[in-house]
């Protein structure tokens, strides 16, 4: 650091001599003595074994080496000041790491809407992603293997604290070849008459969305013909789009693939099939600053388009 400080001093000295053409006038301009000015210049000349001043006449001129040295010092000094500025900025932003668990199906929908903005705002936070089933991620959260779980609100773990990101509902993807030529409504409460005995794709039991489907199925005594179970609802969606079988999926996963497919999309009334997508963390662990920043940004991103009701963001204090 002392070298940089001295470089700033030699810059001032050489610029003053270049401007005034005189050691004495440079000393007056810098409120230094003439011997001090001469000593500063001589020390650098001795260090680099080169003359910085042409002392053969008056006014004094910088040699080619002196001009080169001055310009390089100014460049180095500018780079150093930029570095200082950035370090001061870094001191005012969050640093650290954040490990987020999210199901593979949900990650493709949620993370692209959060991560680009998060990295732009907090580029110094290292992000680690763990993509597994909901039950595995809940276990990871209990074991402190992740800082945050993004998914359907678990709702039954007293150890968890949830911050709602948005509320969603479910839709039935019904291939037209299986619709029995019925004139179907766009929104319905009980899909039993449409799917009972019908070829159907479901998720495996580790899925939090499948838990909701199971509860809804029990309430309305649904009895579809389960052809296949998949770990990822995106796979069920793609299979339904081919006409293979019907499936239930979150409304948020409607894509262009669904809109172009030869199937009917029937919404289930939100009052009978409604759930929250939340950021969930351990209630006993004080949320880190990266976690707070992530959740605040996530709520900014999701709450406006998904609902009018606004939750309070996590307090930074």
C-alpha atoms as a PDB file:
ATOM      1  CA  UNK A   1       0.000   0.000   0.000  1.00  0.00           C
ATOM      2  CA  UNK A   2       2.933   2.382   0.658  1.00  0.00           C
ATOM      3  CA  UNK A   3       4.107   1.998  -2.955  1.00  0.00           C
ATOM      4  CA  UNK A   4       0.721   3.128  -4.244  1.00  0.00           C
ATOM      5  CA  UNK A   5       0.765   6.098  -1.865  1.00  0.00           C
ATOM      6  CA  UNK A   6       4.203   7.115  -3.112  1.00  0.00           C
ATOM      7  CA  UNK A   7       3.143   6.658  -6.741  1.00  0.00           C
ATOM      8  CA  UNK A   8       0.379   9.188  -6.175  1.00  0.00           C
ATOM      9  CA  UNK A   9       2.969  11.586  -4.759  1.00  0.00           C
ATOM     10  CA  UNK A  10       5.390  11.194  -7.697  1.00  0.00           C
ATOM     11  CA  UNK A  11       2.491  11.774 -10.077  1.00  0.00           C
ATOM     12  CA  UNK A  12       1.757  15.111  -8.422  1.00  0.00           C
ATOM     13  CA  UNK A  13       5.449  16.057  -8.419  1.00  0.00           C
ATOM     14  CA  UNK A  14       6.169  15.185 -12.049  1.00  0.00           C
ATOM     15  CA  UNK A  15       2.973  16.797 -13.270  1.00  0.00           C
ATOM     16  CA  UNK A  16       3.846  20.004 -11.365  1.00  0.00           C
ATOM     17  CA  UNK A  17       7.369  20.096 -12.829  1.00  0.00           C
ATOM     18  CA  UNK A  18       6.025  19.373 -16.321  1.00  0.00           C
ATOM     19  CA  UNK A  19       3.461  22.137 -15.942  1.00  0.00           C
ATOM     20  CA  UNK A  20       5.752  24.793 -14.427  1.00  0.00           C
ATOM     21  CA  UNK A  21       9.136  23.796 -15.874  1.00  0.00           C
ATOM     22  CA  UNK A  22      10.725  24.512 -12.504  1.00  0.00           C
ATOM     23  CA  UNK A  23      11.558  22.649  -9.297  1.00  0.00           C
ATOM     24  CA  UNK A  24      10.963  25.774  -7.196  1.00  0.00           C
ATOM     25  CA  UNK A  25       7.584  26.557  -8.771  1.00  0.00           C
ATOM     26  CA  UNK A  26       6.527  22.916  -8.457  1.00  0.00           C
ATOM     27  CA  UNK A  27       7.469  23.031  -4.768  1.00  0.00           C
ATOM     28  CA  UNK A  28       5.413  26.189  -4.246  1.00  0.00           C
ATOM     29  CA  UNK A  29       2.409  24.652  -6.034  1.00  0.00           C
ATOM     30  CA  UNK A  30       2.551  21.529  -3.866  1.00  0.00           C
ATOM     31  CA  UNK A  31       3.422  23.323  -0.601  1.00  0.00           C
ATOM     32  CA  UNK A  32       6.639  21.343  -0.373  1.00  0.00           C
ATOM     33  CA  UNK A  33      10.285  22.404  -0.130  1.00  0.00           C
ATOM     34  CA  UNK A  34      12.593  22.265  -3.152  1.00  0.00           C
ATOM     35  CA  UNK A  35      14.856  19.651  -1.495  1.00  0.00           C
ATOM     36  CA  UNK A  36      11.798  17.458  -0.878  1.00  0.00           C
ATOM     37  CA  UNK A  37      10.754  17.685  -4.546  1.00  0.00           C
ATOM     38  CA  UNK A  38      14.285  16.866  -5.702  1.00  0.00           C
ATOM     39  CA  UNK A  39      14.559  13.961  -3.236  1.00  0.00           C
ATOM     40  CA  UNK A  40      11.276  12.415  -4.439  1.00  0.00           C
ATOM     41  CA  UNK A  41      12.402  12.560  -8.073  1.00  0.00           C
ATOM     42  CA  UNK A  42      15.960  11.368  -7.390  1.00  0.00           C
ATOM     43  CA  UNK A  43      14.737   8.395  -5.380  1.00  0.00           C
ATOM     44  CA  UNK A  44      12.643   7.137  -8.282  1.00  0.00           C
ATOM     45  CA  UNK A  45      15.403   7.829 -10.805  1.00  0.00           C
ATOM     46  CA  UNK A  46      17.835   5.833  -8.679  1.00  0.00           C
ATOM     47  CA  UNK A  47      15.328   3.014  -8.280  1.00  0.00           C
ATOM     48  CA  UNK A  48      14.857   2.601 -12.050  1.00  0.00           C
ATOM     49  CA  UNK A  49      18.353   3.747 -13.104  1.00  0.00           C
ATOM     50  CA  UNK A  50      16.984   6.335 -15.540  1.00  0.00           C
ATOM     51  CA  UNK A  51      16.715  10.137 -15.703  1.00  0.00           C
ATOM     52  CA  UNK A  52      13.147  11.522 -15.506  1.00  0.00           C
ATOM     53  CA  UNK A  53      14.140  15.204 -15.976  1.00  0.00           C
ATOM     54  CA  UNK A  54      16.168  16.881 -18.693  1.00  0.00           C
ATOM     55  CA  UNK A  55      18.195  19.258 -16.535  1.00  0.00           C
ATOM     56  CA  UNK A  56      20.336  20.643 -19.362  1.00  0.00           C
ATOM     57  CA  UNK A  57      18.304  23.804 -19.730  1.00  0.00           C
ATOM     58  CA  UNK A  58      15.374  25.866 -18.499  1.00  0.00           C
ATOM     59  CA  UNK A  59      12.491  25.442 -18.342  1.00  0.00           C
ATOM     60  CA  UNK A  60      12.887  21.830 -17.206  1.00  0.00           C
ATOM     61  CA  UNK A  61      11.334  19.106 -19.340  1.00  0.00           C
ATOM     62  CA  UNK A  62      10.477  15.497 -18.652  1.00  0.00           C
ATOM     63  CA  UNK A  63      12.584  13.027 -20.608  1.00  0.00           C
ATOM     64  CA  UNK A  64      10.900  10.367 -22.725  1.00  0.00           C
ATOM     65  CA  UNK A  65      11.402   7.988 -19.796  1.00  0.00           C
ATOM     66  CA  UNK A  66       9.919  10.547 -17.409  1.00  0.00           C
ATOM     67  CA  UNK A  67       6.827  11.023 -19.573  1.00  0.00           C
ATOM     68  CA  UNK A  68       6.429   7.261 -19.895  1.00  0.00           C
ATOM     69  CA  UNK A  69       6.846   6.750 -16.141  1.00  0.00           C
ATOM     70  CA  UNK A  70       4.296   9.463 -15.370  1.00  0.00           C
ATOM     71  CA  UNK A  71       1.670   8.033 -17.714  1.00  0.00           C
ATOM     72  CA  UNK A  72       2.141   4.501 -16.403  1.00  0.00           C
ATOM     73  CA  UNK A  73       1.903   5.687 -12.798  1.00  0.00           C
ATOM     74  CA  UNK A  74      -1.334   7.494 -13.633  1.00  0.00           C
ATOM     75  CA  UNK A  75      -2.733   4.315 -15.183  1.00  0.00           C
ATOM     76  CA  UNK A  76      -1.698   2.194 -12.198  1.00  0.00           C
ATOM     77  CA  UNK A  77      -3.134   4.744  -9.827  1.00  0.00           C
ATOM     78  CA  UNK A  78      -6.439   4.845 -11.703  1.00  0.00           C
ATOM     79  CA  UNK A  79      -6.682   1.049 -11.584  1.00  0.00           C
ATOM     80  CA  UNK A  80      -5.911   1.137  -7.878  1.00  0.00           C
ATOM     81  CA  UNK A  81      -8.639   3.712  -7.247  1.00  0.00           C
ATOM     82  CA  UNK A  82     -11.112   1.611  -9.204  1.00  0.00           C
ATOM     83  CA  UNK A  83     -10.142  -1.397  -7.096  1.00  0.00           C
ATOM     84  CA  UNK A  84     -10.625   0.618  -3.920  1.00  0.00           C
ATOM     85  CA  UNK A  85     -14.040   1.762  -5.119  1.00  0.00           C
ATOM     86  CA  UNK A  86     -15.134  -1.788  -5.880  1.00  0.00           C
ATOM     87  CA  UNK A  87     -13.868  -3.063  -2.540  1.00  0.00           C
ATOM     88  CA  UNK A  88     -15.843  -0.338  -0.785  1.00  0.00           C
ATOM     89  CA  UNK A  89     -18.904  -1.455  -2.749  1.00  0.00           C
ATOM     90  CA  UNK A  90     -18.277  -5.058  -1.790  1.00  0.00           C
ATOM     91  CA  UNK A  91     -18.199  -4.001   1.844  1.00  0.00           C
ATOM     92  CA  UNK A  92     -21.761  -2.765   1.445  1.00  0.00           C
ATOM     93  CA  UNK A  93     -23.231  -5.862  -0.187  1.00  0.00           C
ATOM     94  CA  UNK A  94     -23.921  -9.366   0.991  1.00  0.00           C
ATOM     95  CA  UNK A  95     -21.308 -12.047   0.585  1.00  0.00           C
ATOM     96  CA  UNK A  96     -21.535 -15.677   1.454  1.00  0.00           C
ATOM     97  CA  UNK A  97     -23.318 -18.718   0.110  1.00  0.00           C
ATOM     98  CA  UNK A  98     -26.830 -20.075  -0.113  1.00  0.00           C
ATOM     99  CA  UNK A  99     -27.922 -23.671  -0.673  1.00  0.00           C
ATOM    100  CA  UNK A 100     -31.414 -24.007  -2.117  1.00  0.00           C
ATOM    101  CA  UNK A 101     -33.402 -27.183  -2.486  1.00  0.00           C
ATOM    102  CA  UNK A 102     -36.091 -27.353  -5.147  1.00  0.00           C
ATOM    103  CA  UNK A 103     -37.851 -30.140  -7.000  1.00  0.00           C
ATOM    104  CA  UNK A 104     -36.679 -30.592 -10.621  1.00  0.00           C
ATOM    105  CA  UNK A 105     -40.115 -29.795 -12.037  1.00  0.00           C
ATOM    106  CA  UNK A 106     -40.528 -26.640 -10.007  1.00  0.00           C
ATOM    107  CA  UNK A 107     -36.960 -25.461 -10.565  1.00  0.00           C
ATOM    108  CA  UNK A 108     -37.568 -25.090 -14.300  1.00  0.00           C
ATOM    109  CA  UNK A 109     -40.471 -22.741 -13.603  1.00  0.00           C
ATOM    110  CA  UNK A 110     -39.396 -20.791 -10.524  1.00  0.00           C
ATOM    111  CA  UNK A 111     -35.620 -20.405 -10.690  1.00  0.00           C
ATOM    112  CA  UNK A 112     -35.373 -18.761 -14.137  1.00  0.00           C
ATOM    113  CA  UNK A 113     -37.550 -15.964 -12.798  1.00  0.00           C
ATOM    114  CA  UNK A 114     -35.422 -15.380  -9.683  1.00  0.00           C
ATOM    115  CA  UNK A 115     -31.782 -16.305 -10.230  1.00  0.00           C
ATOM    116  CA  UNK A 116     -30.855 -13.874 -13.050  1.00  0.00           C
ATOM    117  CA  UNK A 117     -32.171 -10.918 -11.044  1.00  0.00           C
ATOM    118  CA  UNK A 118     -30.596 -12.247  -7.842  1.00  0.00           C
ATOM    119  CA  UNK A 119     -27.145 -12.651  -9.377  1.00  0.00           C
ATOM    120  CA  UNK A 120     -27.365  -9.199 -10.909  1.00  0.00           C
ATOM    121  CA  UNK A 121     -28.188  -7.676  -7.543  1.00  0.00           C
ATOM    122  CA  UNK A 122     -25.951  -9.916  -5.381  1.00  0.00           C
ATOM    123  CA  UNK A 123     -23.145 -11.212  -7.628  1.00  0.00           C
ATOM    124  CA  UNK A 124     -20.920 -12.171  -4.693  1.00  0.00           C
ATOM    125  CA  UNK A 125     -23.250 -14.743  -3.158  1.00  0.00           C
ATOM    126  CA  UNK A 126     -22.356 -18.276  -4.197  1.00  0.00           C
ATOM    127  CA  UNK A 127     -25.415 -20.336  -5.026  1.00  0.00           C
ATOM    128  CA  UNK A 128     -25.727 -24.113  -4.674  1.00  0.00           C
ATOM    129  CA  UNK A 129     -28.792 -25.983  -5.945  1.00  0.00           C
ATOM    130  CA  UNK A 130     -30.059 -29.361  -4.788  1.00  0.00           C
ATOM    131  CA  UNK A 131     -32.782 -30.848  -6.978  1.00  0.00           C
ATOM    132  CA  UNK A 132     -34.561 -33.781  -5.373  1.00  0.00           C
ATOM    133  CA  UNK A 133     -38.054 -34.906  -4.397  1.00  0.00           C
ATOM    134  CA  UNK A 134     -40.036 -32.895  -1.863  1.00  0.00           C
ATOM    135  CA  UNK A 135     -39.684 -35.523   0.858  1.00  0.00           C
ATOM    136  CA  UNK A 136     -35.912 -35.683   0.329  1.00  0.00           C
ATOM    137  CA  UNK A 137     -35.626 -31.902   0.457  1.00  0.00           C
ATOM    138  CA  UNK A 138     -37.707 -31.653   3.607  1.00  0.00           C
ATOM    139  CA  UNK A 139     -35.370 -34.176   5.196  1.00  0.00           C
ATOM    140  CA  UNK A 140     -32.364 -32.175   3.964  1.00  0.00           C
ATOM    141  CA  UNK A 141     -33.817 -29.032   5.540  1.00  0.00           C
ATOM    142  CA  UNK A 142     -34.334 -30.821   8.846  1.00  0.00           C
ATOM    143  CA  UNK A 143     -30.705 -32.001   8.719  1.00  0.00           C
ATOM    144  CA  UNK A 144     -29.439 -28.488   7.851  1.00  0.00           C
ATOM    145  CA  UNK A 145     -28.066 -29.738   4.525  1.00  0.00           C
ATOM    146  CA  UNK A 146     -29.845 -26.869   2.739  1.00  0.00           C
ATOM    147  CA  UNK A 147     -30.699 -23.322   3.787  1.00  0.00           C
ATOM    148  CA  UNK A 148     -33.979 -23.027   1.923  1.00  0.00           C
ATOM    149  CA  UNK A 149     -36.569 -25.304   0.372  1.00  0.00           C
ATOM    150  CA  UNK A 150     -38.757 -23.927  -2.403  1.00  0.00           C
ATOM    151  CA  UNK A 151     -41.876 -25.939  -3.010  1.00  0.00           C
ATOM    152  CA  UNK A 152     -45.427 -26.649  -1.988  1.00  0.00           C
ATOM    153  CA  UNK A 153     -45.797 -25.530   1.611  1.00  0.00           C
ATOM    154  CA  UNK A 154     -45.243 -28.657   3.749  1.00  0.00           C
ATOM    155  CA  UNK A 155     -47.707 -27.442   6.368  1.00  0.00           C
ATOM    156  CA  UNK A 156     -47.146 -30.132   8.984  1.00  0.00           C
ATOM    157  CA  UNK A 157     -43.560 -29.618  10.154  1.00  0.00           C
ATOM    158  CA  UNK A 158     -43.472 -27.483  13.277  1.00  0.00           C
ATOM    159  CA  UNK A 159     -39.724 -27.070  12.680  1.00  0.00           C
ATOM    160  CA  UNK A 160     -40.390 -25.182   9.416  1.00  0.00           C
ATOM    161  CA  UNK A 161     -41.125 -21.538   8.803  1.00  0.00           C
ATOM    162  CA  UNK A 162     -42.785 -20.683   5.487  1.00  0.00           C
ATOM    163  CA  UNK A 163     -42.847 -17.498   3.433  1.00  0.00           C
ATOM    164  CA  UNK A 164     -45.450 -17.611   0.680  1.00  0.00           C
ATOM    165  CA  UNK A 165     -44.219 -16.735  -2.805  1.00  0.00           C
ATOM    166  CA  UNK A 166     -47.491 -17.254  -4.632  1.00  0.00           C
ATOM    167  CA  UNK A 167     -50.676 -19.313  -4.610  1.00  0.00           C
ATOM    168  CA  UNK A 168     -51.501 -21.770  -7.357  1.00  0.00           C
ATOM    169  CA  UNK A 169     -54.221 -24.215  -8.346  1.00  0.00           C
ATOM    170  CA  UNK A 170     -54.442 -27.395 -10.413  1.00  0.00           C
ATOM    171  CA  UNK A 171     -55.440 -28.222 -13.976  1.00  0.00           C
ATOM    172  CA  UNK A 172     -56.448 -31.448 -15.637  1.00  0.00           C
ATOM    173  CA  UNK A 173     -54.732 -32.258 -18.926  1.00  0.00           C
ATOM    174  CA  UNK A 174     -57.196 -34.402 -20.814  1.00  0.00           C
ATOM    175  CA  UNK A 175     -56.196 -35.698 -24.262  1.00  0.00           C
ATOM    176  CA  UNK A 176     -59.091 -35.171 -26.656  1.00  0.00           C
ATOM    177  CA  UNK A 177     -58.963 -38.803 -27.736  1.00  0.00           C
ATOM    178  CA  UNK A 178     -59.907 -39.703 -24.137  1.00  0.00           C
ATOM    179  CA  UNK A 179     -62.537 -37.031 -23.570  1.00  0.00           C
ATOM    180  CA  UNK A 180     -65.391 -39.300 -24.734  1.00  0.00           C
ATOM    181  CA  UNK A 181     -66.670 -36.513 -27.000  1.00  0.00           C
ATOM    182  CA  UNK A 182     -68.128 -34.709 -24.017  1.00  0.00           C
ATOM    183  CA  UNK A 183     -68.661 -30.963 -24.018  1.00  0.00           C
ATOM    184  CA  UNK A 184     -66.534 -30.024 -21.055  1.00  0.00           C
ATOM    185  CA  UNK A 185     -66.471 -26.880 -18.943  1.00  0.00           C
ATOM    186  CA  UNK A 186     -63.266 -24.855 -18.588  1.00  0.00           C
ATOM    187  CA  UNK A 187     -63.431 -25.001 -14.801  1.00  0.00           C
ATOM    188  CA  UNK A 188     -64.860 -27.743 -12.604  1.00  0.00           C
ATOM    189  CA  UNK A 189     -64.990 -28.834  -8.982  1.00  0.00           C
ATOM    190  CA  UNK A 190     -65.110 -32.613  -9.252  1.00  0.00           C
ATOM    191  CA  UNK A 191     -63.184 -34.239 -12.119  1.00  0.00           C
ATOM    192  CA  UNK A 192     -64.327 -37.716 -11.082  1.00  0.00           C
ATOM    193  CA  UNK A 193     -66.828 -38.151 -13.942  1.00  0.00           C
ATOM    194  CA  UNK A 194     -64.058 -37.264 -16.406  1.00  0.00           C
ATOM    195  CA  UNK A 195     -61.222 -39.441 -15.109  1.00  0.00           C
ATOM    196  CA  UNK A 196     -62.765 -42.424 -13.315  1.00  0.00           C
ATOM    197  CA  UNK A 197     -61.565 -45.509 -15.198  1.00  0.00           C
ATOM    198  CA  UNK A 198     -59.520 -43.270 -17.522  1.00  0.00           C
ATOM    199  CA  UNK A 199     -55.840 -43.865 -18.316  1.00  0.00           C
ATOM    200  CA  UNK A 200     -53.902 -41.610 -15.999  1.00  0.00           C
ATOM    201  CA  UNK A 201     -50.344 -40.532 -15.102  1.00  0.00           C
ATOM    202  CA  UNK A 202     -49.474 -39.674 -11.522  1.00  0.00           C
ATOM    203  CA  UNK A 203     -46.379 -38.605  -9.627  1.00  0.00           C
ATOM    204  CA  UNK A 204     -44.609 -40.815  -7.146  1.00  0.00           C
ATOM    205  CA  UNK A 205     -45.495 -40.493  -3.481  1.00  0.00           C
ATOM    206  CA  UNK A 206     -42.449 -38.368  -2.625  1.00  0.00           C
ATOM    207  CA  UNK A 207     -43.990 -35.420  -4.445  1.00  0.00           C
ATOM    208  CA  UNK A 208     -45.646 -32.715  -2.352  1.00  0.00           C
ATOM    209  CA  UNK A 209     -48.030 -31.958  -5.226  1.00  0.00           C
ATOM    210  CA  UNK A 210     -49.004 -35.639  -5.339  1.00  0.00           C
ATOM    211  CA  UNK A 211     -49.932 -35.443  -1.665  1.00  0.00           C
ATOM    212  CA  UNK A 212     -52.418 -32.754  -2.595  1.00  0.00           C
ATOM    213  CA  UNK A 213     -53.684 -34.854  -5.494  1.00  0.00           C
ATOM    214  CA  UNK A 214     -54.128 -37.801  -3.128  1.00  0.00           C
ATOM    215  CA  UNK A 215     -56.127 -35.677  -0.679  1.00  0.00           C
ATOM    216  CA  UNK A 216     -58.299 -34.320  -3.498  1.00  0.00           C
ATOM    217  CA  UNK A 217     -58.773 -37.842  -4.902  1.00  0.00           C
ATOM    218  CA  UNK A 218     -59.865 -39.154  -1.513  1.00  0.00           C
ATOM    219  CA  UNK A 219     -62.357 -36.326  -1.055  1.00  0.00           C
ATOM    220  CA  UNK A 220     -64.022 -36.911  -4.435  1.00  0.00           C
ATOM    221  CA  UNK A 221     -63.462 -40.684  -4.629  1.00  0.00           C
ATOM    222  CA  UNK A 222     -61.443 -40.514  -7.837  1.00  0.00           C
ATOM    223  CA  UNK A 223     -60.634 -43.866  -9.423  1.00  0.00           C
ATOM    224  CA  UNK A 224     -58.545 -43.371 -12.572  1.00  0.00           C
ATOM    225  CA  UNK A 225     -56.554 -46.145 -14.195  1.00  0.00           C
ATOM    226  CA  UNK A 226     -52.960 -45.353 -13.230  1.00  0.00           C
ATOM    227  CA  UNK A 227     -50.773 -46.417 -16.143  1.00  0.00           C
ATOM    228  CA  UNK A 228     -47.504 -44.991 -14.928  1.00  0.00           C
ATOM    229  CA  UNK A 229     -46.006 -43.068 -12.035  1.00  0.00           C
ATOM    230  CA  UNK A 230     -43.212 -40.579 -12.631  1.00  0.00           C
ATOM    231  CA  UNK A 231     -40.827 -38.694 -10.360  1.00  0.00           C
ATOM    232  CA  UNK A 232     -41.304 -35.487 -12.339  1.00  0.00           C
ATOM    233  CA  UNK A 233     -44.551 -33.769 -13.177  1.00  0.00           C
ATOM    234  CA  UNK A 234     -42.880 -32.341 -16.314  1.00  0.00           C
ATOM    235  CA  UNK A 235     -42.659 -35.906 -17.625  1.00  0.00           C
ATOM    236  CA  UNK A 236     -46.359 -36.437 -16.925  1.00  0.00           C
ATOM    237  CA  UNK A 237     -47.115 -33.201 -18.767  1.00  0.00           C
ATOM    238  CA  UNK A 238     -45.134 -34.237 -21.834  1.00  0.00           C
ATOM    239  CA  UNK A 239     -46.764 -37.671 -21.903  1.00  0.00           C
ATOM    240  CA  UNK A 240     -50.221 -36.102 -21.658  1.00  0.00           C
ATOM    241  CA  UNK A 241     -49.357 -33.822 -24.571  1.00  0.00           C
ATOM    242  CA  UNK A 242     -48.690 -36.877 -26.739  1.00  0.00           C
ATOM    243  CA  UNK A 243     -52.194 -38.169 -25.936  1.00  0.00           C
ATOM    244  CA  UNK A 244     -50.844 -41.051 -23.861  1.00  0.00           C
ATOM    245  CA  UNK A 245     -52.985 -40.434 -20.770  1.00  0.00           C
ATOM    246  CA  UNK A 246     -54.509 -37.703 -18.627  1.00  0.00           C
ATOM    247  CA  UNK A 247     -52.787 -36.068 -15.678  1.00  0.00           C
ATOM    248  CA  UNK A 248     -53.139 -33.364 -13.055  1.00  0.00           C
ATOM    249  CA  UNK A 249     -50.515 -30.662 -12.731  1.00  0.00           C
ATOM    250  CA  UNK A 250     -50.055 -27.203 -11.194  1.00  0.00           C
ATOM    251  CA  UNK A 251     -51.443 -24.330 -13.225  1.00  0.00           C
ATOM    252  CA  UNK A 252     -48.015 -22.666 -13.155  1.00  0.00           C
ATOM    253  CA  UNK A 253     -46.635 -25.449 -15.372  1.00  0.00           C
ATOM    254  CA  UNK A 254     -48.829 -24.618 -18.353  1.00  0.00           C
ATOM    255  CA  UNK A 255     -46.455 -24.151 -21.268  1.00  0.00           C
ATOM    256  CA  UNK A 256     -46.521 -23.607 -25.009  1.00  0.00           C
ATOM    257  CA  UNK A 257     -46.185 -27.369 -25.343  1.00  0.00           C
ATOM    258  CA  UNK A 258     -49.535 -27.766 -23.575  1.00  0.00           C
ATOM    259  CA  UNK A 259     -51.236 -25.034 -25.591  1.00  0.00           C
ATOM    260  CA  UNK A 260     -50.192 -26.625 -28.878  1.00  0.00           C
ATOM    261  CA  UNK A 261     -51.150 -30.170 -27.873  1.00  0.00           C
ATOM    262  CA  UNK A 262     -54.389 -31.881 -28.859  1.00  0.00           C
ATOM    263  CA  UNK A 263     -55.867 -31.916 -25.395  1.00  0.00           C
ATOM    264  CA  UNK A 264     -58.285 -30.044 -23.193  1.00  0.00           C
ATOM    265  CA  UNK A 265     -57.086 -28.033 -20.212  1.00  0.00           C
ATOM    266  CA  UNK A 266     -59.667 -28.014 -17.439  1.00  0.00           C
ATOM    267  CA  UNK A 267     -59.072 -25.952 -14.315  1.00  0.00           C
ATOM    268  CA  UNK A 268     -60.133 -27.232 -10.925  1.00  0.00           C
ATOM    269  CA  UNK A 269     -61.889 -24.608  -8.845  1.00  0.00           C
ATOM    270  CA  UNK A 270     -59.261 -22.964  -6.608  1.00  0.00           C
ATOM    271  CA  UNK A 271     -61.506 -23.197  -3.564  1.00  0.00           C
ATOM    272  CA  UNK A 272     -61.237 -27.012  -3.692  1.00  0.00           C
ATOM    273  CA  UNK A 273     -57.663 -27.366  -4.954  1.00  0.00           C
ATOM    274  CA  UNK A 274     -55.446 -24.508  -3.882  1.00  0.00           C
ATOM    275  CA  UNK A 275     -51.911 -24.493  -2.513  1.00  0.00           C
ATOM    276  CA  UNK A 276     -49.012 -22.184  -1.755  1.00  0.00           C
ATOM    277  CA  UNK A 277     -45.538 -22.264  -3.217  1.00  0.00           C
ATOM    278  CA  UNK A 278     -43.297 -21.069  -0.422  1.00  0.00           C
ATOM    279  CA  UNK A 279     -39.743 -20.567   0.650  1.00  0.00           C
ATOM    280  CA  UNK A 280     -39.298 -22.753   3.718  1.00  0.00           C
ATOM    281  CA  UNK A 281     -36.465 -22.721   6.229  1.00  0.00           C
ATOM    282  CA  UNK A 282     -35.659 -24.044   9.683  1.00  0.00           C
ATOM    283  CA  UNK A 283     -37.497 -22.094  12.371  1.00  0.00           C
ATOM    284  CA  UNK A 284     -34.647 -22.665  14.850  1.00  0.00           C
ATOM    285  CA  UNK A 285     -31.951 -21.300  12.541  1.00  0.00           C
ATOM    286  CA  UNK A 286     -31.608 -17.522  12.276  1.00  0.00           C
ATOM    287  CA  UNK A 287     -31.930 -16.673   8.551  1.00  0.00           C
ATOM    288  CA  UNK A 288     -28.660 -15.539   7.022  1.00  0.00           C
ATOM    289  CA  UNK A 289     -28.419 -12.281   5.113  1.00  0.00           C
ATOM    290  CA  UNK A 290     -28.158 -14.097   1.733  1.00  0.00           C
ATOM    291  CA  UNK A 291     -31.330 -16.029   2.625  1.00  0.00           C
ATOM    292  CA  UNK A 292     -33.152 -12.830   3.592  1.00  0.00           C
ATOM    293  CA  UNK A 293     -32.064 -11.129   0.377  1.00  0.00           C
ATOM    294  CA  UNK A 294     -33.146 -14.108  -1.723  1.00  0.00           C
ATOM    295  CA  UNK A 295     -36.582 -14.332  -0.120  1.00  0.00           C
ATOM    296  CA  UNK A 296     -37.210 -10.603  -0.367  1.00  0.00           C
ATOM    297  CA  UNK A 297     -36.348 -10.641  -4.056  1.00  0.00           C
ATOM    298  CA  UNK A 298     -38.402 -13.790  -4.683  1.00  0.00           C
ATOM    299  CA  UNK A 299     -41.467 -12.178  -3.152  1.00  0.00           C
ATOM    300  CA  UNK A 300     -40.900  -9.066  -5.273  1.00  0.00           C
ATOM    301  CA  UNK A 301     -40.760 -11.247  -8.388  1.00  0.00           C
ATOM    302  CA  UNK A 302     -43.729 -13.501  -7.733  1.00  0.00           C
ATOM    303  CA  UNK A 303     -46.345 -11.706  -5.721  1.00  0.00           C
ATOM    304  CA  UNK A 304     -47.428  -9.061  -8.280  1.00  0.00           C
ATOM    305  CA  UNK A 305     -48.301 -11.476 -11.114  1.00  0.00           C
ATOM    306  CA  UNK A 306     -49.717 -14.273  -8.964  1.00  0.00           C
ATOM    307  CA  UNK A 307     -51.958 -12.492  -6.511  1.00  0.00           C
ATOM    308  CA  UNK A 308     -53.163  -9.234  -5.075  1.00  0.00           C
ATOM    309  CA  UNK A 309     -52.611 -10.222  -1.489  1.00  0.00           C
ATOM    310  CA  UNK A 310     -49.185  -9.112  -0.333  1.00  0.00           C
ATOM    311  CA  UNK A 311     -47.221 -10.815   2.413  1.00  0.00           C
ATOM    312  CA  UNK A 312     -44.724  -8.818   4.449  1.00  0.00           C
ATOM    313  CA  UNK A 313     -41.164  -9.609   3.420  1.00  0.00           C
ATOM    314  CA  UNK A 314     -38.623 -10.806   5.936  1.00  0.00           C
ATOM    315  CA  UNK A 315     -37.377  -7.944   8.053  1.00  0.00           C
ATOM    316  CA  UNK A 316     -33.682  -7.206   7.560  1.00  0.00           C
ATOM    317  CA  UNK A 317     -33.328  -5.919  11.083  1.00  0.00           C
END
